[in-house]
Amino acid sequence: MAYEYGPLSRPLGETLAALQEGLMQEYRLEFLPAHRRSARRSRRLRRIRGWCRATGHLAEQVALVARRTLPRIEQEAGHIFRSPDGLARILTVPSTKRLFLDILAGFPEEALPIRANDLALLGRFADDSHALALIGDVTLRLKVLPGEGVGAAGFAALCDRWGLHESRIGSGFRRSPDEQEKETLARAVLGLIYVEGGVDALRAVVPLLTYGRTG
């Protein structure tokens, strides 16, 4: 699976804000008093209202990641990310895919709140953690630690150390993750560091994998 790291037409926070505003405008345009609505119109308005609330919640979570989680990783890893969006993509949960694809399907293209390409890209964010986890794993084994191995516990501990699971963006994910989920998130962040900073940036993080849970 290829890692599609194509950018949105504007930063993620701005994209979500524009999407929420567009949905609110559409709600106002389609609104009718309850006594004048058909059942179909009522269902439509509920859907748009639900999309708007969900988008606003995602925007809050994205801002929290940028404010809390990102600086923690940058300080410990010694790598400054190009933007907060890469980490947000990793932390986005699968439930968001349905949200964005439903919005995409819910309007004619000319009436979409934001560009169709941006909505489609948002819907693919949930796939990024697995793609980047593979990149991080392969790069570690072949270029950084050839002939050596990093135990699963090392990745899970790094996930806990950086608070990755607690920083997930979206809803419907398990509050008590298994070790494999933690490993995937930690490997994905390492994959992102490699994509942005190369082998030397990834090598600088290796001591954290053996530093222990409380370090």
N, C-alpha and C. Protein backbone atom coordinates (compact mmCIF):
# COMPACT_ATOMS: atom_id res chain seq x y z
N MET A 1 0.83 -1.19 0.00
CA MET A 1 0.00 0.00 0.00
C MET A 1 0.87 1.25 0.00
N ALA A 2 0.65 2.14 -0.93
CA ALA A 2 1.43 3.36 -1.03
C ALA A 2 0.97 4.36 0.02
N TYR A 3 1.91 5.09 0.54
CA TYR A 3 1.56 6.11 1.51
C TYR A 3 1.29 7.39 0.76
N GLU A 4 0.04 7.84 0.76
CA GLU A 4 -0.34 9.05 0.05
C GLU A 4 -0.27 10.22 1.03
N TYR A 5 0.82 10.96 0.95
CA TYR A 5 1.03 12.05 1.89
C TYR A 5 0.71 13.37 1.22
N GLY A 6 -0.23 13.35 0.27
CA GLY A 6 -0.63 14.55 -0.41
C GLY A 6 -1.29 15.52 0.55
N PRO A 7 -1.04 16.82 0.37
CA PRO A 7 -1.59 17.80 1.30
C PRO A 7 -3.02 18.18 0.96
N LEU A 8 -3.73 18.62 1.97
CA LEU A 8 -5.01 19.28 1.74
C LEU A 8 -4.73 20.62 1.07
N SER A 9 -5.77 21.25 0.56
CA SER A 9 -5.58 22.53 -0.11
C SER A 9 -5.24 23.64 0.88
N ARG A 10 -5.51 23.40 2.16
CA ARG A 10 -5.13 24.32 3.24
C ARG A 10 -4.91 23.50 4.50
N PRO A 11 -4.31 24.06 5.54
CA PRO A 11 -4.03 23.28 6.75
C PRO A 11 -5.28 22.62 7.31
N LEU A 12 -5.07 21.52 8.03
CA LEU A 12 -6.18 20.71 8.52
C LEU A 12 -7.15 21.51 9.38
N GLY A 13 -6.63 22.30 10.31
CA GLY A 13 -7.51 23.09 11.17
C GLY A 13 -8.40 24.02 10.37
N GLU A 14 -7.81 24.67 9.37
CA GLU A 14 -8.58 25.58 8.52
C GLU A 14 -9.60 24.80 7.69
N THR A 15 -9.21 23.63 7.23
CA THR A 15 -10.12 22.82 6.43
C THR A 15 -11.35 22.41 7.24
N LEU A 16 -11.11 21.96 8.46
CA LEU A 16 -12.24 21.55 9.32
C LEU A 16 -13.12 22.74 9.67
N ALA A 17 -12.50 23.90 9.92
CA ALA A 17 -13.28 25.09 10.23
C ALA A 17 -14.15 25.49 9.05
N ALA A 18 -13.58 25.42 7.83
CA ALA A 18 -14.34 25.75 6.63
C ALA A 18 -15.47 24.75 6.40
N LEU A 19 -15.18 23.48 6.68
CA LEU A 19 -16.21 22.45 6.53
C LEU A 19 -17.36 22.69 7.50
N GLN A 20 -17.04 22.97 8.74
CA GLN A 20 -18.09 23.21 9.72
C GLN A 20 -18.92 24.44 9.34
N GLU A 21 -18.25 25.50 8.92
CA GLU A 21 -18.98 26.71 8.53
C GLU A 21 -19.87 26.44 7.32
N GLY A 22 -19.36 25.68 6.35
CA GLY A 22 -20.16 25.35 5.18
C GLY A 22 -21.38 24.52 5.53
N LEU A 23 -21.22 23.60 6.46
CA LEU A 23 -22.35 22.79 6.90
C LEU A 23 -23.39 23.63 7.63
N MET A 24 -22.93 24.57 8.44
CA MET A 24 -23.85 25.46 9.14
C MET A 24 -24.64 26.31 8.15
N GLN A 25 -23.96 26.80 7.13
CA GLN A 25 -24.65 27.60 6.11
C GLN A 25 -25.69 26.76 5.38
N GLU A 26 -25.32 25.52 5.05
CA GLU A 26 -26.27 24.65 4.36
C GLU A 26 -27.47 24.35 5.25
N TYR A 27 -27.23 24.16 6.54
CA TYR A 27 -28.33 23.91 7.47
C TYR A 27 -29.31 25.10 7.48
N ARG A 28 -28.74 26.30 7.52
CA ARG A 28 -29.60 27.49 7.52
C ARG A 28 -30.39 27.61 6.22
N LEU A 29 -29.75 27.26 5.11
CA LEU A 29 -30.43 27.34 3.82
C LEU A 29 -31.59 26.35 3.72
N GLU A 30 -31.40 25.17 4.30
CA GLU A 30 -32.42 24.12 4.17
C GLU A 30 -33.43 24.12 5.32
N PHE A 31 -33.18 24.97 6.30
CA PHE A 31 -34.05 24.95 7.49
C PHE A 31 -35.46 25.41 7.17
N LEU A 32 -36.41 24.71 7.74
CA LEU A 32 -37.81 25.10 7.74
C LEU A 32 -38.38 24.88 9.13
N PRO A 33 -39.35 25.68 9.56
CA PRO A 33 -39.98 25.41 10.86
C PRO A 33 -40.56 24.01 10.89
N ALA A 34 -40.62 23.43 12.09
CA ALA A 34 -41.02 22.03 12.23
C ALA A 34 -42.37 21.73 11.57
N HIS A 35 -43.32 22.66 11.68
CA HIS A 35 -44.66 22.37 11.14
C HIS A 35 -44.70 22.40 9.62
N ARG A 36 -43.62 22.90 9.00
CA ARG A 36 -43.58 22.96 7.53
C ARG A 36 -42.66 21.90 6.92
N ARG A 37 -42.01 21.11 7.77
CA ARG A 37 -41.04 20.14 7.27
C ARG A 37 -41.71 18.82 6.93
N SER A 38 -41.21 18.19 5.88
CA SER A 38 -41.55 16.79 5.64
C SER A 38 -40.66 15.93 6.51
N ALA A 39 -41.02 14.66 6.64
CA ALA A 39 -40.17 13.74 7.40
C ALA A 39 -38.79 13.66 6.76
N ARG A 40 -38.76 13.68 5.45
CA ARG A 40 -37.48 13.61 4.75
C ARG A 40 -36.63 14.83 5.06
N ARG A 41 -37.24 16.03 5.05
CA ARG A 41 -36.49 17.24 5.36
C ARG A 41 -35.98 17.21 6.80
N SER A 42 -36.77 16.70 7.72
CA SER A 42 -36.33 16.60 9.12
C SER A 42 -35.12 15.69 9.25
N ARG A 43 -35.15 14.56 8.56
CA ARG A 43 -34.00 13.63 8.60
C ARG A 43 -32.77 14.29 8.01
N ARG A 44 -32.96 15.00 6.94
CA ARG A 44 -31.85 15.70 6.28
C ARG A 44 -31.22 16.73 7.22
N LEU A 45 -32.03 17.50 7.89
CA LEU A 45 -31.51 18.51 8.80
C LEU A 45 -30.78 17.87 9.98
N ARG A 46 -31.31 16.76 10.47
CA ARG A 46 -30.62 16.06 11.57
C ARG A 46 -29.26 15.57 11.13
N ARG A 47 -29.18 15.07 9.91
CA ARG A 47 -27.88 14.58 9.41
C ARG A 47 -26.88 15.73 9.30
N ILE A 48 -27.30 16.84 8.73
CA ILE A 48 -26.38 17.97 8.59
C ILE A 48 -25.95 18.48 9.95
N ARG A 49 -26.89 18.56 10.89
CA ARG A 49 -26.55 19.00 12.24
C ARG A 49 -25.56 18.05 12.90
N GLY A 50 -25.76 16.76 12.70
CA GLY A 50 -24.83 15.78 13.24
C GLY A 50 -23.46 15.88 12.62
N TRP A 51 -23.39 16.09 11.32
CA TRP A 51 -22.10 16.27 10.64
C TRP A 51 -21.38 17.50 11.18
N CYS A 52 -22.15 18.56 11.40
CA CYS A 52 -21.57 19.80 11.89
C CYS A 52 -20.98 19.61 13.29
N ARG A 53 -21.72 18.96 14.17
CA ARG A 53 -21.22 18.70 15.53
C ARG A 53 -19.97 17.84 15.50
N ALA A 54 -20.00 16.78 14.70
CA ALA A 54 -18.85 15.88 14.63
C ALA A 54 -17.61 16.59 14.10
N THR A 55 -17.80 17.44 13.10
CA THR A 55 -16.67 18.18 12.53
C THR A 55 -16.08 19.14 13.56
N GLY A 56 -16.94 19.81 14.32
CA GLY A 56 -16.46 20.71 15.36
C GLY A 56 -15.69 19.97 16.43
N HIS A 57 -16.15 18.76 16.78
CA HIS A 57 -15.44 17.95 17.78
C HIS A 57 -14.07 17.55 17.27
N LEU A 58 -13.99 17.17 16.00
CA LEU A 58 -12.70 16.80 15.42
C LEU A 58 -11.74 18.00 15.44
N ALA A 59 -12.26 19.17 15.11
CA ALA A 59 -11.41 20.37 15.10
C ALA A 59 -10.83 20.63 16.49
N GLU A 60 -11.63 20.43 17.53
CA GLU A 60 -11.14 20.61 18.90
C GLU A 60 -10.05 19.60 19.22
N GLN A 61 -10.24 18.36 18.80
CA GLN A 61 -9.24 17.33 19.08
C GLN A 61 -7.94 17.59 18.33
N VAL A 62 -8.05 18.04 17.08
CA VAL A 62 -6.86 18.37 16.29
C VAL A 62 -6.08 19.49 16.97
N ALA A 63 -6.78 20.52 17.45
CA ALA A 63 -6.12 21.63 18.14
C ALA A 63 -5.43 21.15 19.41
N LEU A 64 -6.05 20.22 20.12
CA LEU A 64 -5.46 19.69 21.35
C LEU A 64 -4.18 18.91 21.06
N VAL A 65 -4.18 18.13 20.00
CA VAL A 65 -2.99 17.40 19.60
C VAL A 65 -1.84 18.37 19.29
N ALA A 66 -2.16 19.43 18.56
CA ALA A 66 -1.13 20.42 18.21
C ALA A 66 -0.59 21.13 19.45
N ARG A 67 -1.44 21.32 20.43
CA ARG A 67 -1.06 22.08 21.62
C ARG A 67 -0.35 21.23 22.66
N ARG A 68 -0.71 19.94 22.77
CA ARG A 68 -0.17 19.11 23.85
C ARG A 68 0.73 17.98 23.37
N THR A 69 0.22 17.17 22.45
CA THR A 69 0.94 15.95 22.08
C THR A 69 2.14 16.25 21.20
N LEU A 70 1.96 17.09 20.21
CA LEU A 70 3.05 17.39 19.28
C LEU A 70 4.28 17.95 19.97
N PRO A 71 4.16 18.96 20.83
CA PRO A 71 5.37 19.49 21.49
C PRO A 71 6.10 18.45 22.33
N ARG A 72 5.35 17.55 22.96
CA ARG A 72 5.97 16.50 23.77
C ARG A 72 6.85 15.60 22.91
N ILE A 73 6.33 15.21 21.75
CA ILE A 73 7.10 14.34 20.86
C ILE A 73 8.30 15.08 20.31
N GLU A 74 8.10 16.32 19.88
CA GLU A 74 9.20 17.09 19.30
C GLU A 74 10.33 17.28 20.30
N GLN A 75 9.99 17.54 21.54
CA GLN A 75 11.01 17.75 22.55
C GLN A 75 11.82 16.49 22.79
N GLU A 76 11.14 15.35 22.89
CA GLU A 76 11.86 14.11 23.19
C GLU A 76 12.57 13.54 21.97
N ALA A 77 11.95 13.66 20.80
CA ALA A 77 12.54 13.07 19.59
C ALA A 77 13.57 13.98 18.96
N GLY A 78 13.55 15.26 19.30
CA GLY A 78 14.49 16.19 18.68
C GLY A 78 14.18 16.45 17.22
N HIS A 79 12.93 16.26 16.85
CA HIS A 79 12.51 16.48 15.46
C HIS A 79 11.34 17.45 15.44
N ILE A 80 11.47 18.50 14.65
CA ILE A 80 10.38 19.47 14.49
C ILE A 80 9.58 19.08 13.25
N PHE A 81 8.33 18.75 13.44
CA PHE A 81 7.49 18.32 12.32
C PHE A 81 7.19 19.49 11.40
N ARG A 82 6.99 19.17 10.15
CA ARG A 82 6.71 20.21 9.15
C ARG A 82 5.43 20.96 9.48
N SER A 83 4.46 20.25 10.01
CA SER A 83 3.21 20.87 10.45
C SER A 83 2.54 19.89 11.40
N PRO A 84 1.54 20.33 12.15
CA PRO A 84 0.84 19.39 13.04
C PRO A 84 0.01 18.36 12.29
N ASP A 85 -0.20 18.58 11.00
CA ASP A 85 -1.15 17.75 10.25
C ASP A 85 -0.69 16.30 10.11
N GLY A 86 0.62 16.07 9.99
CA GLY A 86 1.11 14.70 9.83
C GLY A 86 0.76 13.83 11.02
N LEU A 87 0.98 14.37 12.22
CA LEU A 87 0.66 13.61 13.42
C LEU A 87 -0.85 13.42 13.55
N ALA A 88 -1.61 14.46 13.20
CA ALA A 88 -3.07 14.35 13.27
C ALA A 88 -3.59 13.25 12.36
N ARG A 89 -2.97 13.10 11.20
CA ARG A 89 -3.39 12.04 10.28
C ARG A 89 -3.18 10.67 10.89
N ILE A 90 -2.06 10.49 11.56
CA ILE A 90 -1.77 9.21 12.21
C ILE A 90 -2.79 8.90 13.30
N LEU A 91 -3.20 9.91 14.04
CA LEU A 91 -4.06 9.71 15.20
C LEU A 91 -5.55 9.66 14.85
N THR A 92 -5.90 9.90 13.60
CA THR A 92 -7.30 9.88 13.19
C THR A 92 -7.83 8.45 13.16
N VAL A 93 -8.99 8.23 13.75
CA VAL A 93 -9.54 6.88 13.89
C VAL A 93 -10.43 6.52 12.68
N PRO A 94 -10.65 5.23 12.45
CA PRO A 94 -11.41 4.79 11.28
C PRO A 94 -12.83 5.33 11.18
N SER A 95 -13.45 5.65 12.31
CA SER A 95 -14.84 6.13 12.25
C SER A 95 -14.98 7.42 11.47
N THR A 96 -13.88 8.19 11.35
CA THR A 96 -13.97 9.45 10.61
C THR A 96 -14.16 9.22 9.12
N LYS A 97 -13.72 8.07 8.63
CA LYS A 97 -13.86 7.80 7.20
C LYS A 97 -15.31 7.89 6.77
N ARG A 98 -16.19 7.26 7.54
CA ARG A 98 -17.60 7.29 7.19
C ARG A 98 -18.17 8.70 7.23
N LEU A 99 -17.75 9.48 8.23
CA LEU A 99 -18.23 10.85 8.34
C LEU A 99 -17.93 11.64 7.07
N PHE A 100 -16.68 11.64 6.65
CA PHE A 100 -16.29 12.46 5.51
C PHE A 100 -16.87 11.93 4.20
N LEU A 101 -16.92 10.63 4.06
CA LEU A 101 -17.49 10.08 2.84
C LEU A 101 -19.00 10.29 2.78
N ASP A 102 -19.66 10.28 3.94
CA ASP A 102 -21.09 10.59 3.96
C ASP A 102 -21.35 12.03 3.55
N ILE A 103 -20.52 12.94 4.04
CA ILE A 103 -20.67 14.34 3.64
C ILE A 103 -20.43 14.49 2.14
N LEU A 104 -19.40 13.81 1.65
CA LEU A 104 -19.09 13.87 0.22
C LEU A 104 -20.26 13.39 -0.62
N ALA A 105 -20.92 12.34 -0.14
CA ALA A 105 -22.05 11.78 -0.89
C ALA A 105 -23.35 12.55 -0.63
N GLY A 106 -23.35 13.43 0.36
CA GLY A 106 -24.58 14.08 0.78
C GLY A 106 -24.93 15.34 0.04
N PHE A 107 -24.04 15.79 -0.86
CA PHE A 107 -24.28 17.03 -1.60
C PHE A 107 -23.86 16.85 -3.06
N PRO A 108 -24.50 17.56 -3.98
CA PRO A 108 -23.95 17.64 -5.33
C PRO A 108 -22.57 18.29 -5.25
N GLU A 109 -21.68 17.96 -6.15
CA GLU A 109 -20.31 18.46 -6.04
C GLU A 109 -20.25 19.98 -5.97
N GLU A 110 -21.10 20.66 -6.73
CA GLU A 110 -21.05 22.12 -6.74
C GLU A 110 -21.57 22.74 -5.44
N ALA A 111 -22.23 21.94 -4.61
CA ALA A 111 -22.78 22.45 -3.35
C ALA A 111 -22.00 21.97 -2.14
N LEU A 112 -20.90 21.25 -2.33
CA LEU A 112 -20.12 20.74 -1.21
C LEU A 112 -19.57 21.88 -0.36
N PRO A 113 -19.51 21.68 0.96
CA PRO A 113 -18.99 22.75 1.84
C PRO A 113 -17.53 23.07 1.59
N ILE A 114 -16.73 22.07 1.20
CA ILE A 114 -15.33 22.28 0.81
C ILE A 114 -15.07 21.44 -0.44
N ARG A 115 -13.88 21.53 -0.98
CA ARG A 115 -13.56 20.82 -2.21
C ARG A 115 -13.72 19.31 -2.05
N ALA A 116 -14.22 18.68 -3.11
CA ALA A 116 -14.43 17.23 -3.08
C ALA A 116 -13.11 16.49 -2.82
N ASN A 117 -12.02 16.96 -3.40
CA ASN A 117 -10.73 16.29 -3.20
C ASN A 117 -10.30 16.34 -1.73
N ASP A 118 -10.58 17.44 -1.07
CA ASP A 118 -10.23 17.55 0.34
C ASP A 118 -11.05 16.58 1.19
N LEU A 119 -12.34 16.48 0.90
CA LEU A 119 -13.17 15.53 1.64
C LEU A 119 -12.71 14.10 1.42
N ALA A 120 -12.37 13.76 0.19
CA ALA A 120 -11.90 12.41 -0.10
C ALA A 120 -10.58 12.13 0.63
N LEU A 121 -9.71 13.13 0.68
CA LEU A 121 -8.43 12.96 1.37
C LEU A 121 -8.64 12.82 2.87
N LEU A 122 -9.55 13.60 3.44
CA LEU A 122 -9.88 13.46 4.86
C LEU A 122 -10.39 12.05 5.16
N GLY A 123 -11.15 11.50 4.24
CA GLY A 123 -11.67 10.15 4.43
C GLY A 123 -10.59 9.09 4.40
N ARG A 124 -9.44 9.39 3.84
CA ARG A 124 -8.33 8.42 3.78
C ARG A 124 -7.35 8.57 4.94
N PHE A 125 -7.54 9.58 5.77
CA PHE A 125 -6.59 9.80 6.87
C PHE A 125 -6.45 8.57 7.76
N ALA A 126 -7.56 7.87 7.99
CA ALA A 126 -7.53 6.74 8.93
C ALA A 126 -6.62 5.61 8.45
N ASP A 127 -6.26 5.60 7.18
CA ASP A 127 -5.38 4.56 6.66
C ASP A 127 -3.90 4.87 6.89
N ASP A 128 -3.60 6.12 7.24
CA ASP A 128 -2.21 6.54 7.27
C ASP A 128 -1.38 5.88 8.36
N SER A 129 -1.98 5.59 9.50
CA SER A 129 -1.18 5.03 10.59
C SER A 129 -0.60 3.68 10.21
N HIS A 130 -1.37 2.86 9.51
CA HIS A 130 -0.86 1.54 9.12
C HIS A 130 0.23 1.66 8.05
N ALA A 131 0.02 2.56 7.10
CA ALA A 131 1.03 2.74 6.06
C ALA A 131 2.34 3.26 6.64
N LEU A 132 2.24 4.25 7.52
CA LEU A 132 3.45 4.80 8.12
C LEU A 132 4.10 3.85 9.11
N ALA A 133 3.28 3.04 9.79
CA ALA A 133 3.84 2.04 10.70
C ALA A 133 4.71 1.05 9.93
N LEU A 134 4.29 0.67 8.75
CA LEU A 134 5.10 -0.23 7.92
C LEU A 134 6.40 0.44 7.51
N ILE A 135 6.33 1.71 7.14
CA ILE A 135 7.54 2.45 6.78
C ILE A 135 8.50 2.52 7.96
N GLY A 136 7.95 2.85 9.14
CA GLY A 136 8.80 2.94 10.32
C GLY A 136 9.44 1.62 10.68
N ASP A 137 8.67 0.55 10.60
CA ASP A 137 9.17 -0.77 10.97
C ASP A 137 10.27 -1.23 10.01
N VAL A 138 10.00 -1.12 8.72
CA VAL A 138 10.99 -1.57 7.72
C VAL A 138 12.26 -0.75 7.81
N THR A 139 12.13 0.56 7.97
CA THR A 139 13.31 1.42 8.04
C THR A 139 14.16 1.11 9.27
N LEU A 140 13.50 0.88 10.39
CA LEU A 140 14.25 0.52 11.60
C LEU A 140 15.03 -0.77 11.40
N ARG A 141 14.37 -1.77 10.83
CA ARG A 141 15.01 -3.08 10.70
C ARG A 141 16.12 -3.10 9.65
N LEU A 142 15.96 -2.33 8.59
CA LEU A 142 16.91 -2.40 7.48
C LEU A 142 18.00 -1.33 7.53
N LYS A 143 17.68 -0.15 8.07
CA LYS A 143 18.63 0.95 7.97
C LYS A 143 19.16 1.44 9.31
N VAL A 144 18.38 1.25 10.37
CA VAL A 144 18.79 1.82 11.66
C VAL A 144 19.30 0.76 12.61
N LEU A 145 18.60 -0.37 12.70
CA LEU A 145 18.99 -1.44 13.62
C LEU A 145 19.10 -2.77 12.88
N PRO A 146 19.91 -2.84 11.84
CA PRO A 146 20.02 -4.11 11.11
C PRO A 146 20.57 -5.21 12.00
N GLY A 147 19.92 -6.36 11.98
CA GLY A 147 20.36 -7.48 12.78
C GLY A 147 19.91 -7.43 14.23
N GLU A 148 19.30 -6.33 14.60
CA GLU A 148 18.80 -6.21 15.97
C GLU A 148 17.28 -6.13 15.91
N GLY A 149 16.66 -6.14 17.03
CA GLY A 149 15.21 -6.05 17.08
C GLY A 149 14.75 -5.17 18.22
N VAL A 150 13.61 -4.58 18.03
CA VAL A 150 12.99 -3.81 19.09
C VAL A 150 11.75 -4.57 19.51
N GLY A 151 11.68 -4.95 20.77
CA GLY A 151 10.55 -5.70 21.25
C GLY A 151 9.26 -4.91 21.19
N ALA A 152 8.16 -5.64 21.10
CA ALA A 152 6.85 -4.99 21.05
C ALA A 152 6.64 -4.08 22.26
N ALA A 153 7.17 -4.49 23.41
CA ALA A 153 7.00 -3.70 24.62
C ALA A 153 7.64 -2.32 24.47
N GLY A 154 8.72 -2.24 23.71
CA GLY A 154 9.38 -0.95 23.51
C GLY A 154 8.49 0.02 22.77
N PHE A 155 7.80 -0.45 21.74
CA PHE A 155 6.89 0.41 21.00
C PHE A 155 5.67 0.79 21.83
N ALA A 156 5.12 -0.17 22.54
CA ALA A 156 3.96 0.10 23.39
C ALA A 156 4.30 1.12 24.46
N ALA A 157 5.51 0.99 25.04
CA ALA A 157 5.93 1.94 26.07
C ALA A 157 6.09 3.34 25.48
N LEU A 158 6.59 3.42 24.25
CA LEU A 158 6.74 4.72 23.60
C LEU A 158 5.38 5.35 23.34
N CYS A 159 4.42 4.53 22.95
CA CYS A 159 3.05 5.01 22.75
C CYS A 159 2.51 5.60 24.05
N ASP A 160 2.73 4.90 25.16
CA ASP A 160 2.27 5.40 26.46
C ASP A 160 3.01 6.68 26.84
N ARG A 161 4.29 6.67 26.60
CA ARG A 161 5.14 7.82 26.97
C ARG A 161 4.67 9.09 26.28
N TRP A 162 4.29 8.96 25.01
CA TRP A 162 3.87 10.12 24.23
C TRP A 162 2.36 10.37 24.29
N GLY A 163 1.63 9.47 24.96
CA GLY A 163 0.19 9.65 25.08
C GLY A 163 -0.54 9.58 23.75
N LEU A 164 -0.08 8.70 22.87
CA LEU A 164 -0.64 8.65 21.51
C LEU A 164 -2.08 8.16 21.49
N HIS A 165 -2.36 7.08 22.21
CA HIS A 165 -3.72 6.56 22.17
C HIS A 165 -4.70 7.53 22.80
N GLU A 166 -4.31 8.16 23.87
CA GLU A 166 -5.18 9.13 24.52
C GLU A 166 -5.43 10.35 23.64
N SER A 167 -4.60 10.55 22.63
CA SER A 167 -4.71 11.70 21.74
C SER A 167 -5.44 11.38 20.44
N ARG A 168 -6.05 10.19 20.34
CA ARG A 168 -6.73 9.82 19.10
C ARG A 168 -7.80 10.83 18.73
N ILE A 169 -7.97 11.01 17.43
CA ILE A 169 -8.89 12.00 16.89
C ILE A 169 -10.09 11.28 16.28
N GLY A 170 -11.26 11.52 16.84
CA GLY A 170 -12.47 10.84 16.37
C GLY A 170 -13.15 10.17 17.54
N SER A 171 -14.13 9.35 17.23
CA SER A 171 -14.87 8.65 18.27
C SER A 171 -15.03 7.19 17.89
N GLY A 172 -15.44 6.38 18.86
CA GLY A 172 -15.71 4.98 18.57
C GLY A 172 -14.52 4.07 18.70
N PHE A 173 -13.35 4.58 19.13
CA PHE A 173 -12.20 3.70 19.32
C PHE A 173 -12.19 3.15 20.74
N ARG A 174 -11.48 2.05 20.91
CA ARG A 174 -11.46 1.40 22.22
C ARG A 174 -10.64 2.21 23.20
N ARG A 175 -11.22 2.44 24.38
CA ARG A 175 -10.53 3.25 25.38
C ARG A 175 -9.37 2.49 26.01
N SER A 176 -9.42 1.16 25.98
CA SER A 176 -8.33 0.34 26.52
C SER A 176 -7.70 -0.41 25.35
N PRO A 177 -6.68 0.17 24.74
CA PRO A 177 -6.09 -0.43 23.54
C PRO A 177 -5.29 -1.68 23.86
N ASP A 178 -5.20 -2.57 22.89
CA ASP A 178 -4.30 -3.71 23.07
C ASP A 178 -2.90 -3.29 22.65
N GLU A 179 -1.95 -4.16 22.89
CA GLU A 179 -0.55 -3.83 22.62
C GLU A 179 -0.31 -3.58 21.14
N GLN A 180 -1.02 -4.29 20.29
CA GLN A 180 -0.81 -4.12 18.85
C GLN A 180 -1.21 -2.71 18.39
N GLU A 181 -2.29 -2.20 18.93
CA GLU A 181 -2.70 -0.84 18.59
C GLU A 181 -1.63 0.17 19.02
N LYS A 182 -1.11 -0.02 20.21
CA LYS A 182 -0.07 0.88 20.69
C LYS A 182 1.18 0.80 19.81
N GLU A 183 1.56 -0.41 19.46
CA GLU A 183 2.73 -0.58 18.59
C GLU A 183 2.55 0.15 17.27
N THR A 184 1.36 -0.01 16.67
CA THR A 184 1.10 0.60 15.37
C THR A 184 1.24 2.12 15.45
N LEU A 185 0.69 2.72 16.48
CA LEU A 185 0.77 4.17 16.62
C LEU A 185 2.21 4.63 16.77
N ALA A 186 2.98 3.95 17.63
CA ALA A 186 4.37 4.35 17.84
C ALA A 186 5.20 4.16 16.57
N ARG A 187 5.02 3.02 15.90
CA ARG A 187 5.75 2.78 14.65
C ARG A 187 5.38 3.83 13.60
N ALA A 188 4.10 4.23 13.59
CA ALA A 188 3.66 5.22 12.60
C ALA A 188 4.32 6.57 12.82
N VAL A 189 4.44 6.98 14.09
CA VAL A 189 5.12 8.24 14.37
C VAL A 189 6.59 8.15 13.95
N LEU A 190 7.21 7.02 14.19
CA LEU A 190 8.59 6.84 13.75
C LEU A 190 8.67 6.88 12.23
N GLY A 191 7.68 6.30 11.57
CA GLY A 191 7.64 6.36 10.12
C GLY A 191 7.52 7.79 9.62
N LEU A 192 6.72 8.59 10.28
CA LEU A 192 6.57 9.99 9.90
C LEU A 192 7.87 10.74 10.11
N ILE A 193 8.54 10.47 11.22
CA ILE A 193 9.83 11.12 11.47
C ILE A 193 10.82 10.77 10.37
N TYR A 194 10.82 9.51 9.94
CA TYR A 194 11.72 9.12 8.84
C TYR A 194 11.34 9.81 7.54
N VAL A 195 10.05 9.84 7.20
CA VAL A 195 9.60 10.47 5.96
C VAL A 195 10.03 11.94 5.92
N GLU A 196 9.93 12.60 7.06
CA GLU A 196 10.24 14.03 7.09
C GLU A 196 11.72 14.31 7.31
N GLY A 197 12.39 13.50 8.14
CA GLY A 197 13.75 13.84 8.54
C GLY A 197 14.84 12.89 8.11
N GLY A 198 14.44 11.75 7.53
CA GLY A 198 15.45 10.80 7.07
C GLY A 198 15.96 9.88 8.17
N VAL A 199 16.98 9.10 7.82
CA VAL A 199 17.50 8.07 8.71
C VAL A 199 18.09 8.66 9.99
N ASP A 200 18.80 9.77 9.88
CA ASP A 200 19.43 10.35 11.06
C ASP A 200 18.39 10.78 12.09
N ALA A 201 17.29 11.35 11.62
CA ALA A 201 16.22 11.77 12.54
C ALA A 201 15.62 10.56 13.24
N LEU A 202 15.44 9.47 12.50
CA LEU A 202 14.89 8.26 13.11
C LEU A 202 15.87 7.63 14.08
N ARG A 203 17.14 7.63 13.72
CA ARG A 203 18.15 7.04 14.59
C ARG A 203 18.21 7.76 15.93
N ALA A 204 17.96 9.05 15.95
CA ALA A 204 18.02 9.81 17.19
C ALA A 204 16.93 9.42 18.18
N VAL A 205 15.87 8.76 17.68
CA VAL A 205 14.76 8.37 18.55
C VAL A 205 14.98 7.00 19.17
N VAL A 206 15.88 6.21 18.63
CA VAL A 206 16.06 4.82 19.06
C VAL A 206 16.26 4.69 20.57
N PRO A 207 17.07 5.56 21.22
CA PRO A 207 17.22 5.39 22.68
C PRO A 207 15.91 5.41 23.45
N LEU A 208 14.91 6.12 22.95
CA LEU A 208 13.62 6.17 23.63
C LEU A 208 12.92 4.82 23.64
N LEU A 209 13.23 3.97 22.66
CA LEU A 209 12.60 2.67 22.58
C LEU A 209 13.06 1.72 23.67
N THR A 210 14.18 2.01 24.27
CA THR A 210 14.73 1.15 25.31
C THR A 210 14.84 1.88 26.65
N TYR A 211 14.26 3.07 26.70
CA TYR A 211 14.43 3.91 27.88
C TYR A 211 13.51 3.51 29.02
N GLY A 212 12.50 2.72 28.69
CA GLY A 212 11.60 2.27 29.75
C GLY A 212 10.32 3.09 29.77
N ARG A 213 9.33 2.55 30.42
CA ARG A 213 8.03 3.19 30.43
C ARG A 213 8.03 4.51 31.18
N THR A 214 8.79 4.60 32.19
CA THR A 214 8.77 5.85 32.97
C THR A 214 9.99 6.70 32.74
N GLY A 215 11.06 6.07 32.20
CA GLY A 215 12.27 6.75 31.82
C GLY A 215 12.79 7.77 32.77
